[in-house]
């Protein structure tokens, strides 16, 4: 199993448990910025934000692309 699959599956599990904040923290721990600002419960767009978060963080293709970009940046900066 490759890393994109591992990370998308891990986020899917967290999201299935209703742990959006944990899924975002997981993403950040991998050195990947989430594709959206934090979802604010008071916002009228909260449900849309949560739906986007769930769709994106559990998407294999999104993870594959972000990991590739992260690794390329790391290589350019000498692994920093």
C-alpha atoms as a PDB file:
ATOM      1  CA  UNK A   1       0.000   0.000   0.000  1.00  0.00           C
ATOM      2  CA  UNK A   2       1.454   3.397  -0.913  1.00  0.00           C
ATOM      3  CA  UNK A   3       1.491   6.508   1.252  1.00  0.00           C
ATOM      4  CA  UNK A   4      -1.371   8.274  -0.530  1.00  0.00           C
ATOM      5  CA  UNK A   5      -3.563   5.262   0.102  1.00  0.00           C
ATOM      6  CA  UNK A   6      -2.483   5.050   3.741  1.00  0.00           C
ATOM      7  CA  UNK A   7      -3.146   8.744   4.393  1.00  0.00           C
ATOM      8  CA  UNK A   8      -6.461   8.921   2.545  1.00  0.00           C
ATOM      9  CA  UNK A   9      -7.649   5.816   4.410  1.00  0.00           C
ATOM     10  CA  UNK A  10      -6.517   7.205   7.772  1.00  0.00           C
ATOM     11  CA  UNK A  11      -8.405  10.437   7.138  1.00  0.00           C
ATOM     12  CA  UNK A  12     -11.465   8.539   5.955  1.00  0.00           C
ATOM     13  CA  UNK A  13     -11.504   6.593   9.227  1.00  0.00           C
ATOM     14  CA  UNK A  14     -11.206   9.787  11.272  1.00  0.00           C
ATOM     15  CA  UNK A  15     -13.925  11.483   9.235  1.00  0.00           C
ATOM     16  CA  UNK A  16     -16.233   8.482   9.600  1.00  0.00           C
ATOM     17  CA  UNK A  17     -15.850   8.904  13.356  1.00  0.00           C
ATOM     18  CA  UNK A  18     -16.790  12.587  13.045  1.00  0.00           C
ATOM     19  CA  UNK A  19     -13.269  13.730  13.909  1.00  0.00           C
ATOM     20  CA  UNK A  20     -12.774  16.488  11.324  1.00  0.00           C
ATOM     21  CA  UNK A  21     -10.335  18.392  13.537  1.00  0.00           C
ATOM     22  CA  UNK A  22      -8.255  15.248  14.025  1.00  0.00           C
ATOM     23  CA  UNK A  23      -8.228  14.635  10.262  1.00  0.00           C
ATOM     24  CA  UNK A  24      -6.955  18.180   9.681  1.00  0.00           C
ATOM     25  CA  UNK A  25      -4.275  17.711  12.365  1.00  0.00           C
ATOM     26  CA  UNK A  26      -3.297  14.409  10.738  1.00  0.00           C
ATOM     27  CA  UNK A  27      -2.906  16.200   7.418  1.00  0.00           C
ATOM     28  CA  UNK A  28      -0.722  18.886   8.995  1.00  0.00           C
ATOM     29  CA  UNK A  29       1.389  16.244  10.764  1.00  0.00           C
ATOM     30  CA  UNK A  30       2.241  14.828   7.336  1.00  0.00           C
ATOM     31  CA  UNK A  31       3.508  18.254   6.226  1.00  0.00           C
ATOM     32  CA  UNK A  32       0.453  18.840   4.029  1.00  0.00           C
ATOM     33  CA  UNK A  33      -1.700  21.961   4.237  1.00  0.00           C
ATOM     34  CA  UNK A  34      -5.437  21.267   4.188  1.00  0.00           C
ATOM     35  CA  UNK A  35      -7.202  22.538   1.061  1.00  0.00           C
ATOM     36  CA  UNK A  36      -9.526  24.831   3.008  1.00  0.00           C
ATOM     37  CA  UNK A  37      -9.533  27.201   5.959  1.00  0.00           C
ATOM     38  CA  UNK A  38     -10.768  25.774   9.269  1.00  0.00           C
ATOM     39  CA  UNK A  39     -14.512  25.182   9.195  1.00  0.00           C
ATOM     40  CA  UNK A  40     -16.266  27.668  11.488  1.00  0.00           C
ATOM     41  CA  UNK A  41     -19.461  26.291  13.049  1.00  0.00           C
ATOM     42  CA  UNK A  42     -20.920  29.798  13.112  1.00  0.00           C
ATOM     43  CA  UNK A  43     -20.449  30.231   9.372  1.00  0.00           C
ATOM     44  CA  UNK A  44     -23.442  29.809   7.074  1.00  0.00           C
ATOM     45  CA  UNK A  45     -21.141  27.735   4.835  1.00  0.00           C
ATOM     46  CA  UNK A  46     -20.164  25.312   7.612  1.00  0.00           C
ATOM     47  CA  UNK A  47     -21.899  22.271   6.117  1.00  0.00           C
ATOM     48  CA  UNK A  48     -20.361  22.973   2.702  1.00  0.00           C
ATOM     49  CA  UNK A  49     -16.928  23.346   4.294  1.00  0.00           C
ATOM     50  CA  UNK A  50     -17.301  20.039   6.143  1.00  0.00           C
ATOM     51  CA  UNK A  51     -18.463  18.280   2.959  1.00  0.00           C
ATOM     52  CA  UNK A  52     -15.445  19.625   1.037  1.00  0.00           C
ATOM     53  CA  UNK A  53     -13.116  18.564   3.844  1.00  0.00           C
ATOM     54  CA  UNK A  54     -14.519  15.044   3.905  1.00  0.00           C
ATOM     55  CA  UNK A  55     -14.348  14.691   0.135  1.00  0.00           C
ATOM     56  CA  UNK A  56     -10.829  16.064  -0.186  1.00  0.00           C
ATOM     57  CA  UNK A  57      -9.040  14.578   2.817  1.00  0.00           C
ATOM     58  CA  UNK A  58     -10.226  11.080   1.973  1.00  0.00           C
ATOM     59  CA  UNK A  59      -9.326  11.391  -1.731  1.00  0.00           C
ATOM     60  CA  UNK A  60      -6.400   9.234  -2.891  1.00  0.00           C
ATOM     61  CA  UNK A  61      -5.611  11.506  -5.858  1.00  0.00           C
ATOM     62  CA  UNK A  62      -5.476  14.622  -3.707  1.00  0.00           C
ATOM     63  CA  UNK A  63      -3.044  12.943  -1.319  1.00  0.00           C
ATOM     64  CA  UNK A  64      -0.885  11.550  -4.155  1.00  0.00           C
ATOM     65  CA  UNK A  65      -0.483  15.006  -5.691  1.00  0.00           C
ATOM     66  CA  UNK A  66       0.221  16.767  -2.388  1.00  0.00           C
ATOM     67  CA  UNK A  67       2.770  14.163  -1.294  1.00  0.00           C
ATOM     68  CA  UNK A  68       4.550  14.464  -4.634  1.00  0.00           C
ATOM     69  CA  UNK A  69       4.694  18.261  -4.281  1.00  0.00           C
ATOM     70  CA  UNK A  70       5.863  18.002  -0.664  1.00  0.00           C
ATOM     71  CA  UNK A  71       8.637  15.592  -1.594  1.00  0.00           C
ATOM     72  CA  UNK A  72       9.749  17.729  -4.559  1.00  0.00           C
ATOM     73  CA  UNK A  73       9.943  20.823  -2.350  1.00  0.00           C
ATOM     74  CA  UNK A  74      11.844  18.895   0.272  1.00  0.00           C
ATOM     75  CA  UNK A  75      14.353  17.647  -2.320  1.00  0.00           C
ATOM     76  CA  UNK A  76      14.852  21.189  -3.652  1.00  0.00           C
ATOM     77  CA  UNK A  77      15.573  22.444  -0.154  1.00  0.00           C
ATOM     78  CA  UNK A  78      17.976  19.685   0.772  1.00  0.00           C
ATOM     79  CA  UNK A  79      15.477  17.623   2.722  1.00  0.00           C
ATOM     80  CA  UNK A  80      14.460  20.467   5.043  1.00  0.00           C
END
